[in-house]
PDB file of all heavy atoms in Angstrom:
ATOM      1  N   SER A   1     152.979  83.394  26.256  1.00  0.00           N
ATOM      2  CA  SER A   1     153.109  83.611  24.805  1.00  0.00           C
ATOM      3  C   SER A   1     154.542  84.093  24.468  1.00  0.00           C
ATOM      4  O   SER A   1     155.275  84.605  25.339  1.00  0.00           O
ATOM      5  CB  SER A   1     152.120  84.637  24.297  1.00  0.00           C
ATOM      6  OG  SER A   1     152.303  85.920  24.973  1.00  0.00           O
ATOM      7  N   TRP A   2     154.913  84.013  23.219  1.00  0.00           N
ATOM      8  CA  TRP A   2     156.225  84.551  22.746  1.00  0.00           C
ATOM      9  C   TRP A   2     156.233  86.080  23.063  1.00  0.00           C
ATOM     10  O   TRP A   2     157.287  86.543  23.467  1.00  0.00           O
ATOM     11  CB  TRP A   2     156.431  84.333  21.265  1.00  0.00           C
ATOM     12  CG  TRP A   2     156.412  82.910  20.877  1.00  0.00           C
ATOM     13  CD1 TRP A   2     155.477  82.320  20.006  1.00  0.00           C
ATOM     14  CD2 TRP A   2     157.277  81.849  21.243  1.00  0.00           C
ATOM     15  NE1 TRP A   2     155.828  80.945  19.790  1.00  0.00           N
ATOM     16  CE2 TRP A   2     156.905  80.660  20.570  1.00  0.00           C
ATOM     17  CE3 TRP A   2     158.384  81.790  22.087  1.00  0.00           C
ATOM     18  CZ2 TRP A   2     157.553  79.470  20.721  1.00  0.00           C
ATOM     19  CZ3 TRP A   2     159.059  80.632  22.302  1.00  0.00           C
ATOM     20  CH2 TRP A   2     158.622  79.442  21.561  1.00  0.00           C
ATOM     21  N   ARG A   3     155.176  86.723  22.904  1.00  0.00           N
ATOM     22  CA  ARG A   3     155.126  88.160  23.141  1.00  0.00           C
ATOM     23  C   ARG A   3     155.426  88.501  24.629  1.00  0.00           C
ATOM     24  O   ARG A   3     156.192  89.394  24.940  1.00  0.00           O
ATOM     25  CB  ARG A   3     153.743  88.720  22.800  1.00  0.00           C
ATOM     26  CG  ARG A   3     153.514  90.180  23.076  1.00  0.00           C
ATOM     27  CD  ARG A   3     152.137  90.627  22.688  1.00  0.00           C
ATOM     28  NE  ARG A   3     151.131  89.829  23.409  1.00  0.00           N
ATOM     29  CZ  ARG A   3     150.753  89.956  24.669  1.00  0.00           C
ATOM     30  NH1 ARG A   3     151.233  90.988  25.371  1.00  0.00           N
ATOM     31  NH2 ARG A   3     149.840  89.215  25.281  1.00  0.00           N
ATOM     32  N   SER A   4     154.840  87.690  25.491  1.00  0.00           N
ATOM     33  CA  SER A   4     155.087  87.918  26.980  1.00  0.00           C
ATOM     34  C   SER A   4     156.548  87.626  27.316  1.00  0.00           C
ATOM     35  O   SER A   4     157.171  88.373  28.128  1.00  0.00           O
ATOM     36  CB  SER A   4     154.134  86.939  27.700  1.00  0.00           C
ATOM     37  OG  SER A   4     154.471  86.978  29.129  1.00  0.00           O
ATOM     38  N   LEU A   5     157.126  86.574  26.782  1.00  0.00           N
ATOM     39  CA  LEU A   5     158.502  86.212  27.018  1.00  0.00           C
ATOM     40  C   LEU A   5     159.421  87.335  26.495  1.00  0.00           C
ATOM     41  O   LEU A   5     160.418  87.734  27.189  1.00  0.00           O
ATOM     42  CB  LEU A   5     158.885  84.915  26.401  1.00  0.00           C
ATOM     43  CG  LEU A   5     158.100  83.672  26.866  1.00  0.00           C
ATOM     44  CD1 LEU A   5     158.572  82.414  26.158  1.00  0.00           C
ATOM     45  CD2 LEU A   5     158.171  83.527  28.363  1.00  0.00           C
ATOM     46  N   THR A   6     159.081  87.856  25.373  1.00  0.00           N
ATOM     47  CA  THR A   6     159.943  88.943  24.807  1.00  0.00           C
ATOM     48  C   THR A   6     159.853  90.204  25.632  1.00  0.00           C
ATOM     49  O   THR A   6     160.868  90.852  25.899  1.00  0.00           O
ATOM     50  CB  THR A   6     159.525  89.267  23.337  1.00  0.00           C
ATOM     51  OG1 THR A   6     159.539  88.053  22.604  1.00  0.00           O
ATOM     52  CG2 THR A   6     160.373  90.226  22.700  1.00  0.00           C
ATOM     53  N   ALA A   7     158.614  90.539  26.086  1.00  0.00           N
ATOM     54  CA  ALA A   7     158.494  91.672  26.972  1.00  0.00           C
ATOM     55  C   ALA A   7     159.237  91.520  28.318  1.00  0.00           C
ATOM     56  O   ALA A   7     159.826  92.461  28.760  1.00  0.00           O
ATOM     57  CB  ALA A   7     157.016  91.886  27.249  1.00  0.00           C
ATOM     58  N   TRP A   8     159.309  90.266  28.794  1.00  0.00           N
ATOM     59  CA  TRP A   8     160.096  90.057  30.063  1.00  0.00           C
ATOM     60  C   TRP A   8     161.599  90.287  29.754  1.00  0.00           C
ATOM     61  O   TRP A   8     162.268  90.848  30.623  1.00  0.00           O
ATOM     62  CB  TRP A   8     159.883  88.632  30.537  1.00  0.00           C
ATOM     63  CG  TRP A   8     160.608  88.296  31.742  1.00  0.00           C
ATOM     64  CD1 TRP A   8     160.332  88.645  33.057  1.00  0.00           C
ATOM     65  CD2 TRP A   8     161.839  87.444  31.835  1.00  0.00           C
ATOM     66  NE1 TRP A   8     161.305  88.089  33.854  1.00  0.00           N
ATOM     67  CE2 TRP A   8     162.189  87.364  33.206  1.00  0.00           C
ATOM     68  CE3 TRP A   8     162.562  86.812  30.847  1.00  0.00           C
ATOM     69  CZ2 TRP A   8     163.322  86.679  33.548  1.00  0.00           C
ATOM     70  CZ3 TRP A   8     163.666  86.095  31.240  1.00  0.00           C
ATOM     71  CH2 TRP A   8     164.073  86.056  32.593  1.00  0.00           C
ATOM     72  N   LEU A   9     162.087  89.799  28.679  1.00  0.00           N
ATOM     73  CA  LEU A   9     163.482  89.969  28.336  1.00  0.00           C
ATOM     74  C   LEU A   9     163.830  91.468  28.170  1.00  0.00           C
ATOM     75  O   LEU A   9     164.850  91.952  28.688  1.00  0.00           O
ATOM     76  CB  LEU A   9     163.865  89.232  26.993  1.00  0.00           C
ATOM     77  CG  LEU A   9     163.956  87.733  27.088  1.00  0.00           C
ATOM     78  CD1 LEU A   9     164.020  87.163  25.704  1.00  0.00           C
ATOM     79  CD2 LEU A   9     165.206  87.331  27.879  1.00  0.00           C
ATOM     80  N   GLN A  10     162.949  92.184  27.554  1.00  0.00           N
ATOM     81  CA  GLN A  10     163.179  93.625  27.411  1.00  0.00           C
ATOM     82  C   GLN A  10     163.069  94.360  28.719  1.00  0.00           C
ATOM     83  O   GLN A  10     163.869  95.305  28.979  1.00  0.00           O
ATOM     84  CB  GLN A  10     162.187  94.257  26.392  1.00  0.00           C
ATOM     85  CG  GLN A  10     162.423  93.682  24.967  1.00  0.00           C
ATOM     86  CD  GLN A  10     161.399  94.189  24.032  1.00  0.00           C
ATOM     87  OE1 GLN A  10     160.501  94.944  24.378  1.00  0.00           O
ATOM     88  NE2 GLN A  10     161.563  93.914  22.713  1.00  0.00           N
ATOM     89  N   GLU A  11     162.148  93.895  29.551  1.00  0.00           N
ATOM     90  CA  GLU A  11     161.965  94.549  30.880  1.00  0.00           C
ATOM     91  C   GLU A  11     163.252  94.353  31.709  1.00  0.00           C
ATOM     92  O   GLU A  11     163.691  95.252  32.442  1.00  0.00           O
ATOM     93  CB  GLU A  11     160.772  93.932  31.585  1.00  0.00           C
ATOM     94  CG  GLU A  11     160.540  94.504  32.962  1.00  0.00           C
ATOM     95  CD  GLU A  11     159.432  93.760  33.709  1.00  0.00           C
ATOM     96  OE1 GLU A  11     158.679  93.089  33.047  1.00  0.00           O
ATOM     97  OE2 GLU A  11     159.410  93.874  34.951  1.00  0.00           O
ATOM     98  N   LYS A  12     163.848  93.130  31.642  1.00  0.00           N
ATOM     99  CA  LYS A  12     165.056  92.855  32.404  1.00  0.00           C
ATOM    100  C   LYS A  12     166.333  93.304  31.686  1.00  0.00           C
ATOM    101  O   LYS A  12     167.396  93.161  32.305  1.00  0.00           O
ATOM    102  CB  LYS A  12     165.169  91.328  32.585  1.00  0.00           C
ATOM    103  CG  LYS A  12     164.047  90.664  33.448  1.00  0.00           C
ATOM    104  CD  LYS A  12     164.039  91.153  34.892  1.00  0.00           C
ATOM    105  CE  LYS A  12     162.958  90.520  35.673  1.00  0.00           C
ATOM    106  NZ  LYS A  12     162.904  91.000  37.064  1.00  0.00           N
ATOM    107  N   ASP A  13     166.113  93.929  30.530  1.00  0.00           N
ATOM    108  CA  ASP A  13     167.275  94.439  29.746  1.00  0.00           C
ATOM    109  C   ASP A  13     168.269  93.329  29.452  1.00  0.00           C
ATOM    110  O   ASP A  13     169.534  93.484  29.556  1.00  0.00           O
ATOM    111  CB  ASP A  13     167.941  95.630  30.444  1.00  0.00           C
ATOM    112  CG  ASP A  13     168.854  96.443  29.467  1.00  0.00           C
ATOM    113  OD1 ASP A  13     168.533  96.410  28.270  1.00  0.00           O
ATOM    114  OD2 ASP A  13     169.867  96.964  29.913  1.00  0.00           O
ATOM    115  N   ILE A  14     167.808  92.159  29.113  1.00  0.00           N
ATOM    116  CA  ILE A  14     168.638  91.012  28.666  1.00  0.00           C
ATOM    117  C   ILE A  14     168.842  91.089  27.174  1.00  0.00           C
ATOM    118  O   ILE A  14     167.814  91.094  26.405  1.00  0.00           O
ATOM    119  CB  ILE A  14     168.014  89.687  29.080  1.00  0.00           C
ATOM    120  CG1 ILE A  14     167.932  89.656  30.662  1.00  0.00           C
ATOM    121  CG2 ILE A  14     168.862  88.538  28.607  1.00  0.00           C
ATOM    122  CD1 ILE A  14     167.108  88.395  31.135  1.00  0.00           C
ATOM    123  N   ARG A  15     170.050  91.190  26.756  1.00  0.00           N
ATOM    124  CA  ARG A  15     170.348  91.458  25.351  1.00  0.00           C
ATOM    125  C   ARG A  15     170.747  90.210  24.529  1.00  0.00           C
ATOM    126  O   ARG A  15     171.101  89.196  25.153  1.00  0.00           O
ATOM    127  CB  ARG A  15     171.529  92.538  25.203  1.00  0.00           C
ATOM    128  CG  ARG A  15     171.237  93.818  25.945  1.00  0.00           C
ATOM    129  CD  ARG A  15     170.309  94.653  25.087  1.00  0.00           C
ATOM    130  NE  ARG A  15     169.962  95.913  25.711  1.00  0.00           N
ATOM    131  CZ  ARG A  15     169.740  97.073  25.071  1.00  0.00           C
ATOM    132  NH1 ARG A  15     169.897  97.060  23.742  1.00  0.00           N
ATOM    133  NH2 ARG A  15     169.365  98.114  25.699  1.00  0.00           N
ATOM    134  N   THR A  16     170.660  90.278  23.215  1.00  0.00           N
ATOM    135  CA  THR A  16     171.117  89.202  22.371  1.00  0.00           C
ATOM    136  C   THR A  16     172.651  89.161  22.402  1.00  0.00           C
ATOM    137  O   THR A  16     173.275  90.116  22.915  1.00  0.00           O
ATOM    138  CB  THR A  16     170.642  89.510  20.902  1.00  0.00           C
ATOM    139  OG1 THR A  16     171.298  90.667  20.380  1.00  0.00           O
ATOM    140  CG2 THR A  16     169.129  89.744  20.818  1.00  0.00           C
ATOM    141  N   PRO A  17     173.211  88.104  21.785  1.00  0.00           N
ATOM    142  CA  PRO A  17     174.718  88.043  21.808  1.00  0.00           C
ATOM    143  C   PRO A  17     175.355  89.255  21.127  1.00  0.00           C
ATOM    144  O   PRO A  17     176.518  89.518  21.425  1.00  0.00           O
ATOM    145  CB  PRO A  17     174.973  86.752  21.051  1.00  0.00           C
ATOM    146  CG  PRO A  17     173.781  85.932  21.322  1.00  0.00           C
ATOM    147  CD  PRO A  17     172.620  86.911  21.325  1.00  0.00           C
ATOM    148  N   THR A  18     174.636  89.923  20.234  1.00  0.00           N
ATOM    149  CA  THR A  18     175.250  91.053  19.530  1.00  0.00           C
ATOM    150  C   THR A  18     174.884  92.392  20.243  1.00  0.00           C
ATOM    151  O   THR A  18     175.203  93.432  19.728  1.00  0.00           O
ATOM    152  CB  THR A  18     174.708  91.161  18.062  1.00  0.00           C
ATOM    153  OG1 THR A  18     173.297  91.187  18.158  1.00  0.00           O
ATOM    154  CG2 THR A  18     175.219  89.984  17.306  1.00  0.00           C
ATOM    155  N   GLY A  19     174.217  92.302  21.461  1.00  0.00           N
ATOM    156  CA  GLY A  19     173.869  93.493  22.159  1.00  0.00           C
ATOM    157  C   GLY A  19     172.574  94.154  21.776  1.00  0.00           C
ATOM    158  O   GLY A  19     172.227  95.212  22.312  1.00  0.00           O
ATOM    159  N   GLY A  20     171.772  93.551  20.938  1.00  0.00           N
ATOM    160  CA  GLY A  20     170.537  94.120  20.473  1.00  0.00           C
ATOM    161  C   GLY A  20     169.348  93.711  21.402  1.00  0.00           C
ATOM    162  O   GLY A  20     169.464  92.859  22.262  1.00  0.00           O
ATOM    163  N   GLN A  21     168.183  94.287  21.057  1.00  0.00           N
ATOM    164  CA  GLN A  21     166.993  93.933  21.768  1.00  0.00           C
ATOM    165  C   GLN A  21     166.352  92.657  21.148  1.00  0.00           C
ATOM    166  O   GLN A  21     166.475  92.389  19.984  1.00  0.00           O
ATOM    167  CB  GLN A  21     165.920  95.058  21.631  1.00  0.00           C
ATOM    168  CG  GLN A  21     166.280  96.315  22.476  1.00  0.00           C
ATOM    169  CD  GLN A  21     165.794  96.157  23.938  1.00  0.00           C
ATOM    170  OE1 GLN A  21     165.411  95.084  24.399  1.00  0.00           O
ATOM    171  NE2 GLN A  21     165.783  97.261  24.647  1.00  0.00           N
ATOM    172  N   TRP A  22     165.705  91.841  21.977  1.00  0.00           N
ATOM    173  CA  TRP A  22     165.082  90.643  21.467  1.00  0.00           C
ATOM    174  C   TRP A  22     163.754  90.997  20.834  1.00  0.00           C
ATOM    175  O   TRP A  22     162.999  91.956  21.239  1.00  0.00           O
ATOM    176  CB  TRP A  22     164.808  89.678  22.698  1.00  0.00           C
ATOM    177  CG  TRP A  22     165.925  89.021  23.225  1.00  0.00           C
ATOM    178  CD1 TRP A  22     166.746  89.424  24.286  1.00  0.00           C
ATOM    179  CD2 TRP A  22     166.622  87.856  22.700  1.00  0.00           C
ATOM    180  NE1 TRP A  22     167.840  88.559  24.484  1.00  0.00           N
ATOM    181  CE2 TRP A  22     167.719  87.584  23.535  1.00  0.00           C
ATOM    182  CE3 TRP A  22     166.336  86.946  21.663  1.00  0.00           C
ATOM    183  CZ2 TRP A  22     168.558  86.482  23.314  1.00  0.00           C
ATOM    184  CZ3 TRP A  22     167.214  85.907  21.481  1.00  0.00           C
ATOM    185  CH2 TRP A  22     168.249  85.615  22.270  1.00  0.00           C
ATOM    186  N   GLY A  23     163.411  90.255  19.787  1.00  0.00           N
ATOM    187  CA  GLY A  23     162.089  90.296  19.145  1.00  0.00           C
ATOM    188  C   GLY A  23     161.451  88.922  19.311  1.00  0.00           C
ATOM    189  O   GLY A  23     162.105  87.964  19.612  1.00  0.00           O
ATOM    190  N   SER A  24     160.137  88.861  19.224  1.00  0.00           N
ATOM    191  CA  SER A  24     159.417  87.614  19.554  1.00  0.00           C
ATOM    192  C   SER A  24     159.814  86.496  18.514  1.00  0.00           C
ATOM    193  O   SER A  24     159.964  85.394  18.924  1.00  0.00           O
ATOM    194  CB  SER A  24     157.900  87.833  19.426  1.00  0.00           C
ATOM    195  OG  SER A  24     157.557  88.405  18.207  1.00  0.00           O
TER     196      SER A  24
END
């Protein structure tokens, strides 16, 4: 799910191009 993918990005501390946290 989108929620699961977002949780993985946050767990790996992978940021958006502006340095923010990903949302689903």
